[in-house]
């Protein structure tokens, strides 16, 4: 029996779509900005998906002078941090169309500081990532870090020197966003499917969070349903939070798209590295579609289950059940898989994502049916022209944002259950999170499948 996505309306949201998609009420108005070249000294404007390649090139060319970079979404410009005032370095950045920004801390200084934090302050409930906008390491401690743990953390940050790192408190608790029931189900846990991929042996598969992959070996697309996919590889905790799950039926149709609810999809054309300042969208089975920005890279998070490194930090909200869901851009770039964080979609918080490019490389998979390479920059499967479809989500009054029955506002849903904040990877609570109050749970997940 083959599997494919449940069809409602195939309205693919591509680059150039207007604002408002589902609960996010935003479709990245700057994502389709064109590149222009107005001369060597004039900053160019870039699509957000294009800046990571240029930043990598400049990092290689500038060597020790390079101190990080970020995307200025308002001006659609790449800002490159440099240590020192070497005119040749500054002119090289300007010639590339980027904006030079002189800073105090070198990349090696920040890397050394991160190593000190790892050695002296690996405390459950803490996280840190480099913030190139401030040229500092941003250290965050959740509500469980207090007493001697808090003293250890703050003294370690102080020992790094002035202007190297800052520490702040988060009102929530760092946890993985797995929960019982909804979207994809395994062993009493629920997660969200991230992106459909083709495994190295050519079989159809999908990516989700690693803590989902270690919670259960087999996954279904309905609560108490028959398994449709089996975990092939899973990493968590450690160097990432990702798993490759192969569909049991080799004839499964696994389109390279993200289902954003109500039968509407965003076509995924490539995997891309994240850039600080980049506008992103997140789809999850509990809270649906939400938007925000990338705030840090190469983040380290000390979950109760263990330390995870190499994550993307954002200000996009998420809640239990959203684990494994898609982080992507309007123009069809797969960016990340939801890992965990603190807070919820009422008060906000910090959230962390597994980079898709890293996960694809580690498991030896490619996006969709294999048309998109594991690395960034493959334009071979550009989004379709459904951006002009009047049935598109951007203008759909029936969208999830106004659906009072949606899971995000369901008072019976897991998102508001205070007992579900522990975030254990194998939550066996059996809470009836699958009850979506008529929200078509199997069609609200990211790339879910259902029997023909």
Protein backbone atom coordinates (compact mmCIF):
# COMPACT_ATOMS: atom_id res chain seq x y z
CA UNK A 1 0.00 0.00 0.00
CA UNK A 2 1.47 3.33 -1.01
CA UNK A 3 1.34 6.47 1.08
CA UNK A 4 1.03 10.05 0.09
CA UNK A 5 0.09 13.36 1.61
CA UNK A 6 -3.60 13.91 2.28
CA UNK A 7 -4.78 16.30 -0.46
CA UNK A 8 -7.09 19.24 0.17
CA UNK A 9 -5.93 22.15 -1.98
CA UNK A 10 -2.50 22.08 -3.55
CA UNK A 11 -1.57 25.73 -3.15
CA UNK A 12 2.21 25.87 -3.09
CA UNK A 13 3.52 29.05 -1.51
CA UNK A 14 6.58 30.16 -3.47
CA UNK A 15 8.86 33.18 -3.46
CA UNK A 16 6.97 36.43 -3.96
CA UNK A 17 3.87 35.40 -2.05
CA UNK A 18 2.22 38.18 -0.10
CA UNK A 19 2.05 38.39 3.66
CA UNK A 20 0.19 36.23 6.18
CA UNK A 21 0.35 32.46 6.20
CA UNK A 22 -1.56 30.60 8.89
CA UNK A 23 -0.77 31.52 12.47
CA UNK A 24 2.46 33.29 11.54
CA UNK A 25 0.70 36.17 9.76
CA UNK A 26 3.96 36.75 7.89
CA UNK A 27 5.59 35.38 4.76
CA UNK A 28 8.91 37.13 4.84
CA UNK A 29 8.40 40.19 2.61
CA UNK A 30 12.17 40.49 2.13
CA UNK A 31 12.80 36.91 1.06
CA UNK A 32 12.47 37.71 -2.64
CA UNK A 33 14.79 40.72 -2.64
CA UNK A 34 16.95 40.66 -5.74
CA UNK A 35 20.69 40.94 -5.83
CA UNK A 36 21.93 44.20 -7.26
CA UNK A 37 25.42 45.41 -7.93
CA UNK A 38 25.74 49.18 -7.72
CA UNK A 39 29.52 49.31 -7.60
CA UNK A 40 32.32 48.04 -5.42
CA UNK A 41 31.63 50.42 -2.50
CA UNK A 42 27.85 50.12 -2.48
CA UNK A 43 26.35 47.30 -0.38
CA UNK A 44 24.34 44.82 -2.40
CA UNK A 45 20.96 43.44 -1.45
CA UNK A 46 20.64 39.68 -1.08
CA UNK A 47 18.04 37.03 -0.64
CA UNK A 48 18.42 35.62 2.86
CA UNK A 49 19.21 32.17 1.42
CA UNK A 50 22.15 33.55 -0.56
CA UNK A 51 24.19 35.17 2.19
CA UNK A 52 25.55 32.00 3.84
CA UNK A 53 27.58 31.11 0.73
CA UNK A 54 29.09 34.60 0.49
CA UNK A 55 29.81 34.67 4.22
CA UNK A 56 31.63 31.33 3.95
CA UNK A 57 33.71 32.62 1.03
CA UNK A 58 34.68 35.77 2.92
CA UNK A 59 35.51 33.78 6.05
CA UNK A 60 37.92 31.68 4.00
CA UNK A 61 39.47 34.70 2.29
CA UNK A 62 39.82 36.95 5.34
CA UNK A 63 41.29 34.38 7.72
CA UNK A 64 41.85 35.59 11.28
CA UNK A 65 40.37 39.01 10.50
CA UNK A 66 36.92 37.45 10.01
CA UNK A 67 34.86 37.57 13.21
CA UNK A 68 31.44 36.33 12.12
CA UNK A 69 28.60 37.73 10.04
CA UNK A 70 24.87 38.27 10.08
CA UNK A 71 22.01 39.21 7.79
CA UNK A 72 20.35 42.61 8.17
CA UNK A 73 16.84 41.63 7.08
CA UNK A 74 15.55 45.23 7.05
CA UNK A 75 18.19 46.37 4.58
CA UNK A 76 18.71 42.93 2.99
CA UNK A 77 22.45 43.25 3.50
CA UNK A 78 25.22 40.96 4.74
CA UNK A 79 27.20 42.45 7.64
CA UNK A 80 30.71 41.04 8.15
CA UNK A 81 32.54 41.53 11.45
CA UNK A 82 36.28 42.21 11.27
CA UNK A 83 38.97 42.60 13.93
CA UNK A 84 41.39 45.45 13.31
CA UNK A 85 41.33 48.26 10.78
CA UNK A 86 43.18 46.76 7.84
CA UNK A 87 41.99 48.82 4.87
CA UNK A 88 42.63 45.94 2.46
CA UNK A 89 40.31 43.66 4.45
CA UNK A 90 37.60 46.32 4.68
CA UNK A 91 37.83 47.07 0.95
CA UNK A 92 37.63 43.35 0.15
CA UNK A 93 34.38 43.08 2.13
CA UNK A 94 32.93 46.12 0.40
CA UNK A 95 33.98 44.85 -3.01
CA UNK A 96 32.02 41.65 -2.31
CA UNK A 97 28.93 43.78 -1.67
CA UNK A 98 28.87 43.26 2.11
CA UNK A 99 29.03 45.77 4.94
CA UNK A 100 32.19 45.73 7.15
CA UNK A 101 31.70 46.06 10.91
CA UNK A 102 34.74 46.48 13.17
CA UNK A 103 34.47 44.51 16.44
CA UNK A 104 36.54 43.62 19.51
CA UNK A 105 36.38 39.83 19.74
CA UNK A 106 37.97 37.54 17.17
CA UNK A 107 36.50 34.21 16.18
CA UNK A 108 39.29 32.41 18.06
CA UNK A 109 38.54 34.43 21.21
CA UNK A 110 34.87 33.45 21.11
CA UNK A 111 35.69 29.82 20.34
CA UNK A 112 38.06 29.67 23.31
CA UNK A 113 35.37 31.18 25.52
CA UNK A 114 32.89 28.55 24.36
CA UNK A 115 35.38 25.81 25.28
CA UNK A 116 35.72 27.28 28.76
CA UNK A 117 31.95 27.27 29.17
CA UNK A 118 31.84 23.64 28.10
CA UNK A 119 34.56 22.69 30.58
CA UNK A 120 33.44 24.73 33.56
CA UNK A 121 29.72 25.37 33.12
CA UNK A 122 28.03 22.40 31.43
CA UNK A 123 24.98 22.65 33.65
CA UNK A 124 21.55 21.21 32.72
CA UNK A 125 19.26 24.09 31.82
CA UNK A 126 21.94 26.25 30.20
CA UNK A 127 22.71 27.10 26.59
CA UNK A 128 25.10 29.32 24.70
CA UNK A 129 25.71 30.51 21.16
CA UNK A 130 27.73 33.22 19.44
CA UNK A 131 25.71 36.34 18.64
CA UNK A 132 27.55 38.12 15.80
CA UNK A 133 25.28 41.16 16.15
CA UNK A 134 26.78 41.88 19.59
CA UNK A 135 30.10 40.08 18.97
CA UNK A 136 29.58 38.15 22.20
CA UNK A 137 28.56 34.71 23.41
CA UNK A 138 24.97 34.79 24.58
CA UNK A 139 24.54 32.49 27.59
CA UNK A 140 21.04 31.59 28.73
CA UNK A 141 19.99 29.85 31.95
CA UNK A 142 16.51 28.46 32.46
CA UNK A 143 14.48 28.60 35.67
CA UNK A 144 16.10 25.46 37.10
CA UNK A 145 19.55 27.09 37.27
CA UNK A 146 19.80 28.62 40.74
CA UNK A 147 21.93 28.63 43.87
CA UNK A 148 25.42 27.21 43.41
CA UNK A 149 24.69 26.35 39.77
CA UNK A 150 23.86 29.98 39.02
CA UNK A 151 26.95 31.14 40.90
CA UNK A 152 29.14 28.75 38.90
CA UNK A 153 27.67 29.94 35.62
CA UNK A 154 27.99 33.65 36.33
CA UNK A 155 31.52 33.33 37.71
CA UNK A 156 32.57 31.39 34.60
CA UNK A 157 31.10 34.08 32.34
CA UNK A 158 32.88 36.78 34.34
CA UNK A 159 36.18 34.92 34.03
CA UNK A 160 35.97 35.17 30.23
CA UNK A 161 36.66 38.89 30.40
CA UNK A 162 34.75 42.08 29.70
CA UNK A 163 32.59 42.11 26.59
CA UNK A 164 33.10 38.44 25.73
CA UNK A 165 29.87 36.90 27.04
CA UNK A 166 26.59 37.89 28.65
CA UNK A 167 24.22 35.76 30.69
CA UNK A 168 20.47 36.08 31.10
CA UNK A 169 17.67 34.14 32.75
CA UNK A 170 14.87 32.43 30.83
CA UNK A 171 11.49 32.13 32.54
CA UNK A 172 10.86 28.65 31.11
CA UNK A 173 12.67 25.34 31.23
CA UNK A 174 14.84 23.93 28.45
CA UNK A 175 13.26 20.73 27.20
CA UNK A 176 12.81 18.75 24.04
CA UNK A 177 9.42 19.36 22.45
CA UNK A 178 8.22 15.76 22.27
CA UNK A 179 4.83 14.87 23.72
CA UNK A 180 2.18 12.15 23.81
CA UNK A 181 -0.14 11.82 20.82
CA UNK A 182 -0.46 13.87 17.54
CA UNK A 183 1.10 14.03 14.10
CA UNK A 184 3.56 11.13 14.08
CA UNK A 185 3.30 8.58 16.85
CA UNK A 186 5.70 6.09 18.35
CA UNK A 187 5.84 4.37 21.71
CA UNK A 188 3.42 6.79 23.36
CA UNK A 189 5.34 9.83 22.10
CA UNK A 190 4.34 12.32 19.44
CA UNK A 191 6.57 14.42 17.23
CA UNK A 192 6.38 16.24 13.92
CA UNK A 193 7.83 15.11 10.62
CA UNK A 194 10.51 17.47 9.32
CA UNK A 195 11.37 16.90 5.67
CA UNK A 196 10.90 14.02 3.29
CA UNK A 197 14.21 12.74 1.94
CA UNK A 198 15.73 9.95 -0.10
CA UNK A 199 18.04 7.69 1.91
CA UNK A 200 21.46 6.72 0.60
CA UNK A 201 20.12 3.38 -0.63
CA UNK A 202 17.41 5.14 -2.67
CA UNK A 203 14.51 4.36 -0.33
CA UNK A 204 11.97 7.02 0.74
CA UNK A 205 12.45 8.38 4.24
CA UNK A 206 12.03 11.47 6.39
CA UNK A 207 14.04 13.49 8.89
CA UNK A 208 12.81 14.29 12.36
CA UNK A 209 14.41 15.06 15.72
CA UNK A 210 16.94 12.62 17.14
CA UNK A 211 15.23 12.55 20.53
CA UNK A 212 12.13 11.32 18.70
CA UNK A 213 14.19 8.61 17.00
CA UNK A 214 15.52 7.33 20.32
CA UNK A 215 12.07 7.45 21.93
CA UNK A 216 10.57 4.84 19.58
CA UNK A 217 11.78 2.58 16.77
CA UNK A 218 8.56 2.59 14.70
CA UNK A 219 6.29 5.52 13.82
CA UNK A 220 2.70 5.83 12.63
CA UNK A 221 0.77 8.70 11.06
CA UNK A 222 -2.23 8.20 13.38
CA UNK A 223 -2.59 7.48 17.05
CA UNK A 224 -2.74 3.70 17.68
CA UNK A 225 -2.31 3.21 13.92
CA UNK A 226 -0.11 0.69 12.18
CA UNK A 227 3.55 1.76 11.85
CA UNK A 228 4.46 3.22 8.47
CA UNK A 229 8.15 3.96 9.06
CA UNK A 230 11.11 2.61 11.03
CA UNK A 231 14.04 4.50 12.52
CA UNK A 232 17.24 3.85 10.58
CA UNK A 233 19.64 6.23 12.39
CA UNK A 234 19.28 8.53 15.39
CA UNK A 235 21.65 10.95 17.11
CA UNK A 236 20.74 12.42 20.53
CA UNK A 237 22.25 13.69 22.71
CA UNK A 238 25.70 14.58 21.45
CA UNK A 239 26.72 16.07 18.10
CA UNK A 240 23.20 16.95 16.98
CA UNK A 241 19.54 16.06 17.36
CA UNK A 242 18.36 14.27 14.21
CA UNK A 243 17.09 10.92 12.99
CA UNK A 244 16.49 9.26 9.63
CA UNK A 245 13.25 7.29 9.50
CA UNK A 246 12.62 5.06 6.47
CA UNK A 247 9.12 4.42 5.15
CA UNK A 248 8.25 0.72 5.37
CA UNK A 249 6.59 0.78 1.94
CA UNK A 250 9.29 1.38 -0.71
CA UNK A 251 6.63 2.83 -3.03
CA UNK A 252 5.77 5.65 -0.63
CA UNK A 253 5.46 9.01 -2.35
CA UNK A 254 7.58 11.49 -0.41
CA UNK A 255 7.25 14.96 -1.99
CA UNK A 256 9.76 17.66 -1.11
CA UNK A 257 7.35 20.10 0.48
CA UNK A 258 6.12 21.34 3.86
CA UNK A 259 2.44 20.99 4.63
CA UNK A 260 1.34 24.20 6.37
CA UNK A 261 -2.24 23.08 6.99
CA UNK A 262 -5.52 23.18 5.09
CA UNK A 263 -3.93 21.33 2.16
CA UNK A 264 -1.51 24.16 1.43
CA UNK A 265 2.18 23.48 0.93
CA UNK A 266 5.52 25.21 0.55
CA UNK A 267 7.73 23.52 -2.02
CA UNK A 268 11.23 22.78 -0.70
CA UNK A 269 13.91 23.20 -3.35
CA UNK A 270 17.16 23.04 -1.41
CA UNK A 271 18.84 22.66 1.97
CA UNK A 272 20.60 25.78 3.19
CA UNK A 273 22.72 26.88 6.13
CA UNK A 274 21.16 29.35 8.53
CA UNK A 275 22.38 32.93 8.91
CA UNK A 276 21.93 35.10 11.99
CA UNK A 277 19.23 37.67 11.27
CA UNK A 278 17.51 35.47 8.69
CA UNK A 279 13.70 35.37 8.77
CA UNK A 280 12.36 31.83 9.08
CA UNK A 281 9.11 29.89 9.39
CA UNK A 282 8.49 26.87 11.62
CA UNK A 283 5.78 24.27 11.13
CA UNK A 284 4.82 21.87 13.92
CA UNK A 285 1.91 19.60 14.62
CA UNK A 286 0.93 21.26 17.91
CA UNK A 287 1.19 24.98 17.19
CA UNK A 288 1.09 25.02 13.40
CA UNK A 289 2.93 27.79 11.57
CA UNK A 290 4.99 30.43 13.38
CA UNK A 291 7.69 32.85 12.28
CA UNK A 292 10.76 34.54 13.70
CA UNK A 293 14.48 35.07 13.20
CA UNK A 294 17.74 33.19 13.60
CA UNK A 295 19.58 34.60 16.63
CA UNK A 296 22.63 32.32 16.99
CA UNK A 297 24.62 29.51 15.37
CA UNK A 298 26.60 26.53 16.64
CA UNK A 299 24.59 26.62 19.85
CA UNK A 300 25.23 24.25 22.74
CA UNK A 301 22.18 23.21 24.79
CA UNK A 302 22.37 21.29 28.04
CA UNK A 303 19.07 19.39 28.14
CA UNK A 304 18.14 17.16 31.10
CA UNK A 305 18.87 14.18 28.82
CA UNK A 306 22.33 15.44 27.91
CA UNK A 307 24.29 18.06 25.98
CA UNK A 308 23.61 18.71 22.29
CA UNK A 309 25.97 20.77 20.14
CA UNK A 310 25.88 22.43 16.73
CA UNK A 311 22.30 23.78 16.89
CA UNK A 312 20.62 26.88 15.45
CA UNK A 313 19.14 29.30 18.01
CA UNK A 314 16.00 31.31 17.16
CA UNK A 315 13.19 33.30 18.73
CA UNK A 316 10.49 31.21 17.00
CA UNK A 317 8.08 29.73 19.54
CA UNK A 318 7.39 25.99 19.89
CA UNK A 319 5.56 23.62 22.24
CA UNK A 320 5.44 19.90 23.10
CA UNK A 321 4.64 17.86 19.99
CA UNK A 322 6.45 20.28 17.64
CA UNK A 323 9.73 18.32 17.96
CA UNK A 324 11.22 17.38 14.61
CA UNK A 325 9.09 19.87 12.69
CA UNK A 326 10.37 21.95 9.77
CA UNK A 327 12.29 25.22 9.95
CA UNK A 328 12.33 26.75 6.48
CA UNK A 329 12.21 29.94 4.43
CA UNK A 330 9.50 31.31 2.21
CA UNK A 331 11.57 30.74 -0.90
CA UNK A 332 11.81 27.00 -0.30
CA UNK A 333 15.00 26.42 1.68
CA UNK A 334 15.05 23.70 4.33
CA UNK A 335 16.94 25.10 7.33
CA UNK A 336 16.35 23.02 10.45
CA UNK A 337 14.51 20.43 12.55
CA UNK A 338 12.87 21.50 15.81
CA UNK A 339 14.92 20.30 18.78
CA UNK A 340 13.77 22.07 21.95
CA UNK A 341 13.91 25.21 24.03
CA UNK A 342 11.97 27.09 26.67
CA UNK A 343 8.67 28.93 26.80
CA UNK A 344 5.67 28.47 24.55
CA UNK A 345 3.68 30.28 21.86
CA UNK A 346 1.96 32.48 24.44
CA UNK A 347 4.98 33.95 26.20
CA UNK A 348 7.68 33.15 23.63
CA UNK A 349 11.14 31.91 24.53
CA UNK A 350 14.35 30.51 23.05
CA UNK A 351 14.21 27.61 20.61
CA UNK A 352 16.88 25.42 19.05
CA UNK A 353 17.01 23.56 15.75
CA UNK A 354 19.16 20.88 14.19
CA UNK A 355 20.70 22.21 10.93
CA UNK A 356 19.30 20.24 7.99
CA UNK A 357 22.54 20.40 6.00
CA UNK A 358 24.43 18.72 8.83
CA UNK A 359 21.76 16.06 9.30
CA UNK A 360 21.64 15.22 5.58
CA UNK A 361 25.40 14.86 5.43
CA UNK A 362 25.50 12.69 8.55
CA UNK A 363 22.82 10.22 7.40
CA UNK A 364 23.78 10.27 3.70
CA UNK A 365 20.38 11.42 2.46
CA UNK A 366 19.09 13.99 -0.05
CA UNK A 367 15.95 16.07 0.04
CA UNK A 368 12.72 14.73 -1.44
CA UNK A 369 13.15 12.35 -4.34
CA UNK A 370 16.83 13.16 -4.56
CA UNK A 371 16.58 16.25 -6.74
CA UNK A 372 17.98 18.58 -4.06
CA UNK A 373 21.51 18.09 -2.85
CA UNK A 374 22.41 17.80 0.78
CA UNK A 375 24.33 21.04 0.70
CA UNK A 376 23.09 24.57 0.25
CA UNK A 377 22.67 26.37 -3.03
CA UNK A 378 20.99 23.75 -5.23
CA UNK A 379 18.40 25.56 -7.30
CA UNK A 380 17.49 22.54 -9.41
CA UNK A 381 14.00 22.24 -8.00
CA UNK A 382 12.76 25.80 -7.82
CA UNK A 383 9.35 26.40 -6.24
CA UNK A 384 6.39 26.22 -8.55
CA UNK A 385 4.38 29.12 -9.85
CA UNK A 386 1.49 28.61 -7.47
CA UNK A 387 2.29 31.94 -5.82
CA UNK A 388 -0.44 33.46 -7.99
CA UNK A 389 -2.99 30.82 -7.04
CA UNK A 390 -5.93 32.75 -5.53
CA UNK A 391 -6.55 29.73 -3.34
CA UNK A 392 -3.17 30.21 -1.65
CA UNK A 393 -2.86 30.30 2.09
CA UNK A 394 -1.89 33.96 2.20
CA UNK A 395 -5.43 35.03 1.35
CA UNK A 396 -7.32 32.03 2.68
CA UNK A 397 -9.82 33.23 5.28
CA UNK A 398 -10.24 29.63 6.39
CA UNK A 399 -6.58 29.37 7.36
CA UNK A 400 -5.49 27.93 10.67
CA UNK A 401 -4.89 31.33 12.19
CA UNK A 402 -8.64 31.83 12.55
CA UNK A 403 -9.58 28.23 13.23
CA UNK A 404 -10.87 28.19 16.81
CA UNK A 405 -10.65 24.43 16.79
CA UNK A 406 -6.91 24.50 16.05
CA UNK A 407 -4.63 22.57 18.33
CA UNK A 408 -2.72 25.66 19.42
CA UNK A 409 -5.81 27.04 21.16
CA UNK A 410 -7.40 23.75 22.20
CA UNK A 411 -7.76 24.01 25.99
CA UNK A 412 -7.57 20.23 26.16
CA UNK A 413 -4.34 20.13 24.12
CA UNK A 414 -0.94 19.17 25.40
CA UNK A 415 0.45 22.67 24.88
CA UNK A 416 -1.34 23.98 27.98
CA UNK A 417 -0.86 20.90 30.14
CA UNK A 418 1.55 21.89 32.92
CA UNK A 419 2.27 18.25 33.55
CA UNK A 420 3.77 17.98 30.09
CA UNK A 421 6.62 20.39 30.62
CA UNK A 422 9.18 17.83 31.64
CA UNK A 423 9.88 17.14 28.01
CA UNK A 424 11.15 13.60 28.38
CA UNK A 425 12.01 12.05 25.05
CA UNK A 426 9.81 9.03 25.70
CA UNK A 427 6.79 10.61 27.30
CA UNK A 428 4.48 7.74 28.12
CA UNK A 429 1.79 9.88 29.70
CA UNK A 430 -0.76 8.82 27.16
CA UNK A 431 -2.35 12.25 27.20
CA UNK A 432 -4.83 12.53 24.43
CA UNK A 433 -2.74 14.96 22.43
CA UNK A 434 -4.08 13.44 19.22
CA UNK A 435 -7.38 15.16 19.87
CA UNK A 436 -7.20 18.08 17.52
CA UNK A 437 -10.84 19.04 17.93
CA UNK A 438 -11.52 18.58 14.27
CA UNK A 439 -8.22 20.09 13.22
CA UNK A 440 -7.34 17.24 10.85
CA UNK A 441 -4.20 16.43 12.81
CA UNK A 442 -2.74 14.20 10.11
CA UNK A 443 -2.87 17.10 7.66
CA UNK A 444 -1.47 19.74 10.01
CA UNK A 445 1.88 18.09 10.50
CA UNK A 446 4.86 18.86 8.38
CA UNK A 447 4.86 16.46 5.44
CA UNK A 448 2.68 13.78 6.99
CA UNK A 449 1.53 10.77 4.98
CA UNK A 450 -1.67 8.74 4.98
CA UNK A 451 -2.82 5.53 3.34
CA UNK A 452 -4.38 5.73 -0.09
